[in-house]
Amino acid sequence: MKRYILKGFAAVFIVIFLQGCLSSPVKRYYQLHMETDPSTGSPQIDKIVMVGPVEVDSAYNGYRMVYRLSSYELNYYSYMFWIKKPAQMVRDAMVDYFSRGMAFDKVTTKYSEGNPDLLLRAKVNALEEYDRADAWFAHLNMEIKIKDYRTDKIVLVYRIDRRKKLTGKNVGKVAVGLSVILEEELAKMVEQLAQKLTTEKNKK
């Protein structure tokens, strides 16, 4: 009798275990991707720019995607991940954007690739999904500093703090929203940089 009871418990355990395995959420991986061709209408800056390492607040520099419920509560998804750590992902996205455009003569990430004219450094303070009862938002808070490589003088400080409302409550749309924000802001930054450099050149 005991043998049958134990077999029964074992069968129930196996069924429960298999159900748990089958019902586990699927892990999903996301990245930043900017689709617009930045060479269209981009101002020409006849300089070599080096994109340095990106600093990311430690709360956001993990693989797990972050969602915020309020100014006081920040959480991490268990099954939604960035394909790379944000520090590398954001840097790669910027390098790709500048490399596909025609704003700069050359884009580098290493000194061995040639002495740059400009050095770009960025700090990301927030890269997240911001949830409200009525809608979800992609939120990017970031500061970009561009220096003259030879004089170490700051040429431009560009700050980003934008939320973009998503078309639905879907984590995949967060990556799209953040990509759109970054793409639009980089275009504005390049325009401001071109104007600043032109003004400085005319003063000489």
Protein backbone atom coordinates (compact mmCIF):
# COMPACT_ATOMS: atom_id res chain seq x y z
CA MET A 1 0.00 0.00 0.00
CA LYS A 2 2.79 2.38 0.94
CA ARG A 3 4.47 1.68 -2.38
CA TYR A 4 1.39 2.81 -4.32
CA ILE A 5 1.03 5.92 -2.18
CA LEU A 6 4.68 6.88 -2.76
CA LYS A 7 4.30 6.26 -6.47
CA GLY A 8 1.21 8.45 -6.44
CA PHE A 9 3.06 11.29 -4.70
CA ALA A 10 5.96 10.93 -7.11
CA ALA A 11 3.62 11.15 -10.10
CA VAL A 12 1.92 14.25 -8.70
CA PHE A 13 5.31 15.86 -8.01
CA ILE A 14 6.50 15.17 -11.57
CA VAL A 15 3.32 16.65 -13.04
CA ILE A 16 3.62 19.79 -10.89
CA PHE A 17 7.32 20.12 -11.74
CA LEU A 18 6.68 19.78 -15.49
CA GLN A 19 3.85 22.30 -15.35
CA GLY A 20 6.14 24.75 -13.60
CA CYS A 21 8.82 24.28 -16.23
CA LEU A 22 6.39 24.62 -19.12
CA SER A 23 4.78 27.74 -17.69
CA SER A 24 8.07 29.60 -16.97
CA PRO A 25 8.21 32.96 -18.78
CA VAL A 26 10.46 33.16 -21.83
CA LYS A 27 13.58 35.30 -21.45
CA ARG A 28 13.69 38.19 -23.91
CA TYR A 29 16.64 40.37 -24.91
CA TYR A 30 16.54 43.93 -26.26
CA GLN A 31 18.91 46.51 -27.67
CA LEU A 32 18.97 50.13 -28.82
CA HIS A 33 18.59 50.53 -32.57
CA MET A 34 18.31 53.75 -34.55
CA GLU A 35 16.87 53.34 -38.03
CA THR A 36 16.94 56.81 -39.60
CA ASP A 37 19.84 57.60 -41.92
CA PRO A 38 21.65 60.38 -40.01
CA SER A 39 23.48 61.55 -43.15
CA THR A 40 20.27 63.14 -44.45
CA GLY A 41 20.45 66.86 -43.75
CA SER A 42 23.20 66.45 -41.17
CA PRO A 43 25.54 69.46 -40.75
CA GLN A 44 29.18 68.92 -41.71
CA ILE A 45 31.78 69.04 -38.92
CA ASP A 46 35.26 68.65 -40.37
CA LYS A 47 36.74 67.00 -37.31
CA ILE A 48 37.61 63.60 -35.92
CA VAL A 49 35.57 62.68 -32.85
CA MET A 50 36.44 59.99 -30.34
CA VAL A 51 33.56 58.51 -28.36
CA GLY A 52 34.93 57.63 -24.94
CA PRO A 53 33.54 55.09 -22.46
CA VAL A 54 30.01 55.86 -21.27
CA GLU A 55 29.38 56.13 -17.54
CA VAL A 56 26.06 54.70 -16.35
CA ASP A 57 24.55 55.03 -12.90
CA SER A 58 25.10 51.72 -11.13
CA ALA A 59 21.34 51.21 -10.66
CA TYR A 60 20.95 51.00 -14.46
CA ASN A 61 24.15 49.33 -15.61
CA GLY A 62 22.98 45.73 -15.28
CA TYR A 63 21.55 43.39 -17.88
CA ARG A 64 18.07 43.38 -16.35
CA MET A 65 15.75 46.10 -17.66
CA VAL A 66 14.51 48.63 -15.14
CA TYR A 67 10.96 49.81 -14.59
CA ARG A 68 9.91 52.58 -12.27
CA LEU A 69 6.53 52.84 -10.54
CA SER A 70 7.16 56.19 -8.86
CA SER A 71 9.94 58.61 -7.96
CA TYR A 72 10.61 56.41 -4.94
CA GLU A 73 10.29 52.87 -6.31
CA LEU A 74 12.56 51.23 -8.88
CA ASN A 75 12.30 47.58 -9.93
CA TYR A 76 14.02 45.06 -12.19
CA TYR A 77 12.43 42.65 -14.65
CA SER A 78 13.28 38.98 -14.08
CA TYR A 79 12.93 37.88 -17.72
CA MET A 80 13.59 41.06 -19.73
CA PHE A 81 17.25 41.85 -20.44
CA TRP A 82 19.47 44.23 -22.39
CA ILE A 83 21.66 42.36 -24.86
CA LYS A 84 24.69 44.21 -23.44
CA LYS A 85 25.34 46.22 -20.32
CA PRO A 86 23.97 49.75 -20.92
CA ALA A 87 27.43 51.36 -20.70
CA GLN A 88 28.58 49.39 -23.75
CA MET A 89 25.19 49.40 -25.47
CA VAL A 90 24.77 53.19 -25.39
CA ARG A 91 28.34 53.76 -26.54
CA ASP A 92 27.92 51.31 -29.42
CA ALA A 93 24.65 52.98 -30.42
CA MET A 94 26.27 56.42 -30.54
CA VAL A 95 29.29 55.17 -32.48
CA ASP A 96 27.00 53.46 -34.98
CA TYR A 97 24.87 56.59 -35.35
CA PHE A 98 27.86 58.89 -35.94
CA SER A 99 29.59 56.38 -38.22
CA ARG A 100 26.56 56.07 -40.48
CA GLY A 101 26.23 59.85 -40.74
CA MET A 102 28.41 62.41 -42.47
CA ALA A 103 28.66 64.96 -39.67
CA PHE A 104 32.23 64.04 -38.70
CA ASP A 105 35.27 63.25 -40.83
CA LYS A 106 35.90 60.17 -38.72
CA VAL A 107 34.57 58.45 -35.61
CA THR A 108 36.94 56.53 -33.34
CA THR A 109 36.91 54.78 -30.00
CA LYS A 110 40.67 54.29 -29.52
CA TYR A 111 43.68 56.60 -29.55
CA SER A 112 45.45 54.10 -31.79
CA GLU A 113 42.92 54.91 -34.52
CA GLY A 114 44.29 58.46 -34.82
CA ASN A 115 44.46 61.59 -32.74
CA PRO A 116 40.95 63.05 -32.40
CA ASP A 117 39.97 66.70 -32.55
CA LEU A 118 37.04 66.21 -30.22
CA LEU A 119 36.48 63.90 -27.27
CA LEU A 120 32.90 62.90 -26.41
CA ARG A 121 32.04 61.54 -22.98
CA ALA A 122 28.57 60.68 -21.76
CA LYS A 123 26.90 59.84 -18.47
CA VAL A 124 23.54 58.05 -18.29
CA ASN A 125 21.53 58.83 -15.16
CA ALA A 126 18.38 56.91 -16.13
CA LEU A 127 17.51 54.37 -18.84
CA GLU A 128 14.14 52.95 -17.89
CA GLU A 129 10.49 52.20 -18.32
CA TYR A 130 8.37 54.65 -16.33
CA ASP A 131 4.93 53.26 -15.48
CA ARG A 132 1.81 55.23 -14.75
CA ALA A 133 -1.72 53.95 -14.37
CA ASP A 134 -2.81 55.47 -17.69
CA ALA A 135 0.32 54.82 -19.78
CA TRP A 136 3.92 53.61 -19.92
CA PHE A 137 6.85 55.82 -20.92
CA ALA A 138 10.43 55.33 -22.07
CA HIS A 139 12.65 57.62 -19.99
CA LEU A 140 16.20 58.69 -20.81
CA ASN A 141 18.27 61.03 -18.65
CA MET A 142 21.73 61.61 -19.99
CA GLU A 143 24.48 64.22 -20.20
CA ILE A 144 26.98 64.50 -23.05
CA LYS A 145 30.17 66.56 -22.83
CA ILE A 146 32.33 67.32 -25.85
CA LYS A 147 35.84 68.67 -25.31
CA ASP A 148 38.55 69.98 -27.56
CA TYR A 149 41.08 67.16 -27.36
CA ARG A 150 44.12 69.43 -27.61
CA THR A 151 43.10 72.17 -25.17
CA ASP A 152 40.77 70.12 -22.92
CA LYS A 153 38.29 73.00 -23.20
CA ILE A 154 34.61 72.04 -23.04
CA VAL A 155 33.01 72.85 -26.37
CA LEU A 156 29.46 71.69 -25.63
CA VAL A 157 27.43 70.24 -22.78
CA TYR A 158 24.21 68.64 -23.98
CA ARG A 159 21.62 67.35 -21.51
CA ILE A 160 18.78 64.94 -22.24
CA ASP A 161 15.83 64.30 -19.93
CA ARG A 162 12.87 63.03 -21.93
CA ARG A 163 9.95 60.69 -21.51
CA LYS A 164 8.27 59.26 -24.58
CA LYS A 165 4.77 57.84 -24.23
CA LEU A 166 4.53 54.29 -25.53
CA THR A 167 1.73 53.13 -27.80
CA GLY A 168 1.00 50.22 -25.47
CA LYS A 169 2.06 48.58 -22.24
CA ASN A 170 4.69 46.37 -23.81
CA VAL A 171 8.30 46.04 -22.65
CA GLY A 172 9.54 45.71 -26.22
CA LYS A 173 8.27 49.20 -26.95
CA VAL A 174 10.55 50.58 -24.22
CA ALA A 175 13.64 49.75 -26.28
CA VAL A 176 12.02 51.39 -29.32
CA GLY A 177 11.07 54.50 -27.35
CA LEU A 178 14.56 54.90 -25.87
CA SER A 179 16.11 54.44 -29.33
CA VAL A 180 13.88 57.18 -30.78
CA ILE A 181 14.73 59.58 -27.96
CA LEU A 182 18.48 58.98 -28.34
CA GLU A 183 18.34 59.31 -32.12
CA GLU A 184 16.40 62.59 -32.06
CA GLU A 185 18.58 64.07 -29.34
CA LEU A 186 21.85 63.13 -31.03
CA ALA A 187 20.65 64.88 -34.19
CA LYS A 188 19.92 68.04 -32.17
CA MET A 189 23.28 67.77 -30.42
CA VAL A 190 25.19 67.54 -33.70
CA GLU A 191 23.36 70.62 -34.96
CA GLN A 192 24.19 72.58 -31.81
CA LEU A 193 27.82 71.46 -31.97
CA ALA A 194 28.13 72.57 -35.60
CA GLN A 195 26.69 75.99 -34.73
CA LYS A 196 29.01 76.35 -31.73
CA LEU A 197 32.11 75.44 -33.71
CA THR A 198 31.14 77.79 -36.53
CA THR A 199 30.64 80.65 -34.04
CA GLU A 200 34.01 79.97 -32.43
CA LYS A 201 35.71 79.84 -35.83
CA ASN A 202 34.19 83.17 -36.89
CA LYS A 203 35.49 84.84 -33.74
CA LYS A 204 39.07 84.06 -34.69
